[in-house]
Amino acid sequence: MKKTAFIFGLGFSGRVLARQLLKLGYDVRGTRRTAGEEMPGVTLFPFADDTPLQDTDAAFDGVTHVISTIAVIGGIDPVLRHHGEVIRRLDCWTGYVSATSVYTEADGGWVTEDSPADPVTRRGQLRREAEMAWQGKLSAEVFRAAGIYGPGRSPFRDLLQGKGRIILKPGHQFNRIHVEDMGRIIAAAMETPVAGRILNLADGSPCEAGDVIRYAADLLGVAAPVPVPFEDAELSPMARSFYATSRRVDSSKVGRELGIEFIYPDYRHGMRAVLAEERHQGILPHQDEI
């Protein structure tokens, strides 16, 4: 049977997943909040928290896989709010992209998929509520992503513009995930489905944020920013909540269950690749132009 995937949220990570699925022979459909750049091979539908799909028959006809990368908005998951019952009746594979913020504070310790999920931040609580709703209503697989980065989402441009920052909070550790590895893992899970499975999407190199910024600066050949103590930093409420908890995420279940090795197992591999790609795309100047 022809596999047809519907991706709610063709943003930074959703677009990479779409490209992975196209390579695997899927028909791919998905949503964008506003009109914009087309995606070759992908059928697009407008969708937003206050604008549900207008033609669900066309959107979901023959769909075998549904996944959402859309975060909770205003305390409500917009996909389940508008289309949860329709998706349930499709009797298809479902997936929800969550975040590692759902884990209970670990004080820098390791967490696995079996660790308690009782988040201390409001953002983490909303993610956890959405996870439970997707699993309870749709038996969805859940993908708990660490900090997602890749070409177009990296510290290089800010460093070149003198806007880079290092927030100093000793002992605050977290993982990242390169967007290409993220797409590969989700696509592999879709090929070998297990209802209700939870997978951590995180590289194997948890560290303080300053380590990544200093390495990125070294790659560019520029000076790293002077660290600013967390207590003195001017941060948005969302940014401040990021520093509220510290954990190291174990993602070895990905290898055991899917047989996948990370292309970018740590930030050093990932940052080198991102720098090369951003220069190739013209996002950044080449070294001789700096």
Protein backbone atom coordinates (compact mmCIF):
# COMPACT_ATOMS: atom_id res chain seq x y z
CA MET A 1 0.00 0.00 0.00
CA LYS A 2 1.24 3.48 -0.84
CA LYS A 3 2.46 5.28 2.27
CA THR A 4 1.13 8.80 2.68
CA ALA A 5 2.35 11.02 5.51
CA PHE A 6 0.65 14.16 6.80
CA ILE A 7 2.95 16.48 8.77
CA PHE A 8 1.36 19.15 10.93
CA GLY A 9 3.98 21.89 11.02
CA LEU A 10 6.40 22.11 8.09
CA GLY A 11 8.80 24.35 9.95
CA PHE A 12 12.49 23.86 10.65
CA SER A 13 12.28 20.19 11.63
CA GLY A 14 9.11 19.29 9.73
CA ARG A 15 10.63 20.26 6.40
CA VAL A 16 13.67 18.05 6.99
CA LEU A 17 11.41 15.13 7.94
CA ALA A 18 9.39 15.69 4.77
CA ARG A 19 12.53 15.43 2.64
CA GLN A 20 13.53 12.21 4.43
CA LEU A 21 10.11 10.67 3.78
CA LEU A 22 10.12 11.68 0.12
CA LYS A 23 13.40 9.79 -0.26
CA LEU A 24 11.71 6.72 1.25
CA GLY A 25 8.92 6.88 -1.32
CA TYR A 26 6.16 8.44 0.77
CA ASP A 27 3.57 10.79 -0.60
CA VAL A 28 3.90 13.78 1.72
CA ARG A 29 1.36 16.41 2.71
CA GLY A 30 1.67 19.01 5.41
CA THR A 31 0.71 22.34 6.86
CA ARG A 32 2.13 25.82 6.96
CA ARG A 33 0.79 28.68 9.04
CA THR A 34 1.07 31.21 6.21
CA ALA A 35 1.66 31.17 2.48
CA GLY A 36 5.31 30.98 1.60
CA GLU A 37 7.96 28.96 -0.13
CA GLU A 38 6.64 25.85 -1.83
CA MET A 39 8.16 22.45 -1.14
CA PRO A 40 8.78 20.31 -4.21
CA GLY A 41 6.84 17.07 -3.96
CA VAL A 42 4.81 18.15 -0.89
CA THR A 43 1.14 19.12 -0.96
CA LEU A 44 0.59 22.06 1.38
CA PHE A 45 -2.46 23.00 3.42
CA PRO A 46 -2.94 26.17 5.52
CA PHE A 47 -3.38 25.51 9.24
CA ALA A 48 -3.05 27.57 12.41
CA ASP A 49 -4.31 27.38 15.96
CA ASP A 50 -7.33 29.51 14.98
CA THR A 51 -7.61 28.27 11.39
CA PRO A 52 -8.33 24.52 11.10
CA LEU A 53 -7.96 22.58 7.89
CA GLN A 54 -10.77 23.57 5.53
CA ASP A 55 -10.87 20.37 3.47
CA THR A 56 -10.15 17.40 5.69
CA ASP A 57 -11.31 14.95 3.03
CA ALA A 58 -8.57 16.13 0.67
CA ALA A 59 -6.01 16.44 3.46
CA PHE A 60 -6.47 12.98 4.97
CA ASP A 61 -7.59 10.85 2.00
CA GLY A 62 -5.41 7.74 2.00
CA VAL A 63 -3.18 8.98 4.81
CA THR A 64 -1.26 6.23 6.60
CA HIS A 65 0.89 8.35 8.93
CA VAL A 66 0.16 11.57 10.83
CA ILE A 67 2.75 13.46 12.89
CA SER A 68 2.72 16.84 14.59
CA THR A 69 5.70 19.11 15.24
CA ILE A 70 3.44 21.91 16.50
CA ALA A 71 3.87 23.03 20.08
CA VAL A 72 1.02 23.74 22.46
CA ILE A 73 -0.43 27.20 21.81
CA GLY A 74 -2.23 29.06 24.56
CA GLY A 75 -2.34 25.92 26.65
CA ILE A 76 -4.13 23.91 23.94
CA ASP A 77 -2.81 21.49 21.34
CA PRO A 78 -4.33 22.90 18.12
CA VAL A 79 -4.09 19.66 16.15
CA LEU A 80 -6.03 17.60 18.68
CA ARG A 81 -8.43 20.47 19.30
CA HIS A 82 -9.50 20.75 15.68
CA HIS A 83 -8.81 17.32 14.19
CA GLY A 84 -8.14 14.77 16.92
CA GLU A 85 -11.36 12.83 16.34
CA VAL A 86 -10.88 12.74 12.57
CA ILE A 87 -7.32 11.47 12.98
CA ARG A 88 -8.50 8.80 15.43
CA ARG A 89 -10.94 7.49 12.83
CA LEU A 90 -8.16 7.18 10.24
CA ASP A 91 -6.69 4.25 12.20
CA CYS A 92 -3.18 5.22 11.07
CA TRP A 93 0.25 5.59 12.67
CA THR A 94 0.56 8.77 14.70
CA GLY A 95 3.50 10.64 16.18
CA TYR A 96 4.03 13.71 18.34
CA VAL A 97 7.27 15.69 18.61
CA SER A 98 7.72 16.73 22.23
CA ALA A 99 10.75 17.98 24.15
CA THR A 100 13.12 16.79 26.87
CA SER A 101 11.73 19.56 29.09
CA VAL A 102 9.06 17.04 30.18
CA TYR A 103 11.53 15.29 32.50
CA THR A 104 11.64 15.92 36.21
CA GLU A 105 14.59 18.06 37.32
CA ALA A 106 17.67 15.82 37.35
CA ASP A 107 20.27 18.26 38.73
CA GLY A 108 22.60 17.44 35.85
CA GLY A 109 22.05 13.69 36.06
CA TRP A 110 21.12 11.29 33.28
CA VAL A 111 17.55 10.64 32.19
CA THR A 112 16.13 7.90 29.98
CA GLU A 113 12.70 7.36 28.48
CA ASP A 114 11.77 5.58 31.72
CA SER A 115 12.72 8.51 33.96
CA PRO A 116 9.93 10.41 35.74
CA ALA A 117 8.17 13.01 33.59
CA ASP A 118 6.93 15.57 36.08
CA PRO A 119 8.27 18.85 34.69
CA VAL A 120 8.90 21.88 36.86
CA THR A 121 8.50 24.52 34.14
CA ARG A 122 5.18 25.59 32.66
CA ARG A 123 6.45 24.91 29.15
CA GLY A 124 7.44 21.39 30.14
CA GLN A 125 4.09 20.81 31.81
CA LEU A 126 2.21 21.78 28.65
CA ARG A 127 4.39 19.47 26.57
CA ARG A 128 3.74 16.61 28.96
CA GLU A 129 -0.01 17.20 28.87
CA ALA A 130 0.09 17.15 25.08
CA GLU A 131 2.10 13.91 25.09
CA MET A 132 -0.46 12.22 27.30
CA ALA A 133 -3.33 13.47 25.14
CA TRP A 134 -1.72 12.17 21.93
CA GLN A 135 -0.96 8.82 23.52
CA GLY A 136 -4.31 8.49 25.29
CA LYS A 137 -6.39 9.44 22.26
CA LEU A 138 -4.24 8.14 19.41
CA SER A 139 -1.63 5.73 20.89
CA ALA A 140 0.97 8.03 19.33
CA GLU A 141 4.70 7.52 19.36
CA VAL A 142 6.38 10.38 21.20
CA PHE A 143 9.72 11.92 20.24
CA ARG A 144 11.34 13.97 23.00
CA ALA A 145 13.74 16.32 21.26
CA ALA A 146 16.66 18.11 22.85
CA GLY A 147 17.83 21.49 21.51
CA ILE A 148 17.35 21.32 17.73
CA TYR A 149 20.01 22.93 15.55
CA GLY A 150 21.15 22.85 11.94
CA PRO A 151 21.77 25.13 8.95
CA GLY A 152 19.87 28.35 9.57
CA ARG A 153 19.63 27.69 13.31
CA SER A 154 23.11 28.04 14.74
CA PRO A 155 25.24 30.56 16.67
CA PHE A 156 27.51 31.48 13.76
CA ARG A 157 25.70 34.53 12.41
CA ASP A 158 25.29 36.09 15.85
CA LEU A 159 28.97 35.54 16.57
CA LEU A 160 30.01 37.28 13.34
CA GLN A 161 27.67 40.17 14.13
CA GLY A 162 28.98 40.52 17.66
CA LYS A 163 25.65 39.41 19.14
CA GLY A 164 26.71 36.04 20.53
CA ARG A 165 26.26 35.42 24.25
CA ILE A 166 27.50 32.94 26.80
CA ILE A 167 25.28 32.69 29.85
CA LEU A 168 27.37 31.35 32.68
CA LYS A 169 25.56 28.91 34.94
CA PRO A 170 28.10 26.30 36.09
CA GLY A 171 26.77 22.75 35.95
CA HIS A 172 23.88 23.56 33.62
CA GLN A 173 24.08 20.80 31.02
CA PHE A 174 21.87 19.73 28.17
CA ASN A 175 21.98 17.85 24.86
CA ARG A 176 21.28 18.88 21.31
CA ILE A 177 20.05 17.12 18.17
CA HIS A 178 21.04 17.96 14.61
CA VAL A 179 17.89 18.37 12.56
CA GLU A 180 19.05 15.79 9.99
CA ASP A 181 19.50 13.13 12.67
CA MET A 182 16.11 14.06 14.07
CA GLY A 183 14.45 13.53 10.69
CA ARG A 184 16.25 10.22 10.13
CA ILE A 185 15.20 8.84 13.51
CA ILE A 186 11.54 9.77 13.15
CA ALA A 187 11.42 8.36 9.63
CA ALA A 188 12.97 5.10 10.85
CA ALA A 189 10.40 4.88 13.65
CA MET A 190 7.62 5.34 11.10
CA GLU A 191 9.05 2.41 9.14
CA THR A 192 9.14 0.16 12.25
CA PRO A 193 6.13 1.38 14.28
CA VAL A 194 5.47 0.61 17.93
CA ALA A 195 2.29 2.18 19.30
CA GLY A 196 2.94 4.41 22.30
CA ARG A 197 6.73 4.18 22.09
CA ILE A 198 8.78 7.06 23.50
CA LEU A 199 12.19 7.94 22.05
CA ASN A 200 14.68 10.55 23.17
CA LEU A 201 16.15 12.54 20.29
CA ALA A 202 19.46 13.78 21.67
CA ASP A 203 23.12 13.52 20.78
CA GLY A 204 25.63 11.82 23.05
CA SER A 205 27.46 14.94 24.17
CA PRO A 206 25.65 16.89 26.88
CA CYS A 207 27.53 19.99 27.94
CA GLU A 208 27.17 23.59 29.01
CA ALA A 209 25.96 26.02 26.34
CA GLY A 210 29.18 28.00 26.59
CA ASP A 211 31.20 25.02 25.35
CA VAL A 212 29.26 25.07 22.07
CA ILE A 213 29.56 28.84 21.62
CA ARG A 214 33.31 28.78 22.27
CA TYR A 215 33.77 25.94 19.78
CA ALA A 216 31.70 27.79 17.16
CA ALA A 217 33.82 30.90 17.71
CA ASP A 218 37.00 28.85 17.26
CA LEU A 219 35.67 27.47 13.96
CA LEU A 220 35.04 31.03 12.75
CA GLY A 221 38.35 32.33 14.06
CA VAL A 222 36.68 35.03 16.17
CA ALA A 223 36.81 35.79 19.87
CA ALA A 224 34.23 34.08 22.05
CA PRO A 225 31.85 36.35 23.98
CA VAL A 226 32.72 37.22 27.56
CA PRO A 227 30.52 35.04 29.79
CA VAL A 228 27.67 36.78 31.61
CA PRO A 229 26.61 35.27 34.96
CA PHE A 230 23.09 33.89 34.80
CA GLU A 231 22.03 36.10 37.70
CA ASP A 232 23.05 39.24 35.76
CA ALA A 233 21.74 38.26 32.33
CA GLU A 234 18.75 39.95 30.76
CA LEU A 235 16.67 37.03 29.51
CA SER A 236 13.14 36.55 28.26
CA PRO A 237 10.87 34.39 30.42
CA MET A 238 11.23 31.56 27.86
CA ALA A 239 15.04 31.79 27.85
CA ARG A 240 15.13 31.95 31.65
CA SER A 241 12.99 28.81 31.88
CA PHE A 242 15.55 27.00 29.73
CA TYR A 243 18.16 27.52 32.46
CA ALA A 244 15.78 26.45 35.23
CA THR A 245 16.60 22.76 34.88
CA SER A 246 19.66 20.67 34.04
CA ARG A 247 19.84 17.14 32.70
CA ARG A 248 21.85 14.82 30.48
CA VAL A 249 19.68 12.82 28.10
CA ASP A 250 20.38 9.18 27.24
CA SER A 251 19.22 8.32 23.71
CA SER A 252 20.75 4.84 23.43
CA LYS A 253 17.26 3.38 22.92
CA VAL A 254 17.37 4.80 19.37
CA GLY A 255 20.27 2.53 18.48
CA ARG A 256 18.85 -0.51 20.24
CA GLU A 257 15.38 -0.30 18.67
CA LEU A 258 16.04 1.32 15.29
CA GLY A 259 19.64 0.33 14.59
CA ILE A 260 20.52 3.94 13.76
CA GLU A 261 23.83 5.62 14.43
CA PHE A 262 23.93 9.39 14.69
CA ILE A 263 25.60 11.20 11.82
CA TYR A 264 26.33 13.99 14.29
CA PRO A 265 26.96 12.27 17.66
CA ASP A 266 28.20 15.46 19.32
CA TYR A 267 28.16 19.21 18.79
CA ARG A 268 31.67 19.24 17.31
CA HIS A 269 30.67 17.04 14.36
CA GLY A 270 27.43 18.94 14.00
CA MET A 271 28.86 22.46 14.17
CA ARG A 272 31.51 21.72 11.56
CA ALA A 273 28.85 20.43 9.18
CA VAL A 274 26.51 23.35 9.87
CA LEU A 275 29.27 25.90 9.23
CA ALA A 276 30.11 24.29 5.88
CA GLU A 277 26.45 24.16 4.84
CA GLU A 278 25.69 27.73 5.91
CA ARG A 279 28.64 28.93 3.86
CA HIS A 280 27.48 26.81 0.92
CA GLN A 281 23.98 28.30 1.16
CA GLY A 282 25.30 31.84 1.43
CA ILE A 283 23.95 32.28 4.94
CA LEU A 284 27.52 32.98 6.07
CA PRO A 285 30.54 34.47 4.25
CA HIS A 286 33.44 32.19 3.45
CA GLN A 287 36.52 32.35 5.64
CA ASP A 288 38.45 34.58 3.22
CA GLU A 289 35.53 37.04 3.23
CA ILE A 290 35.42 37.55 6.99
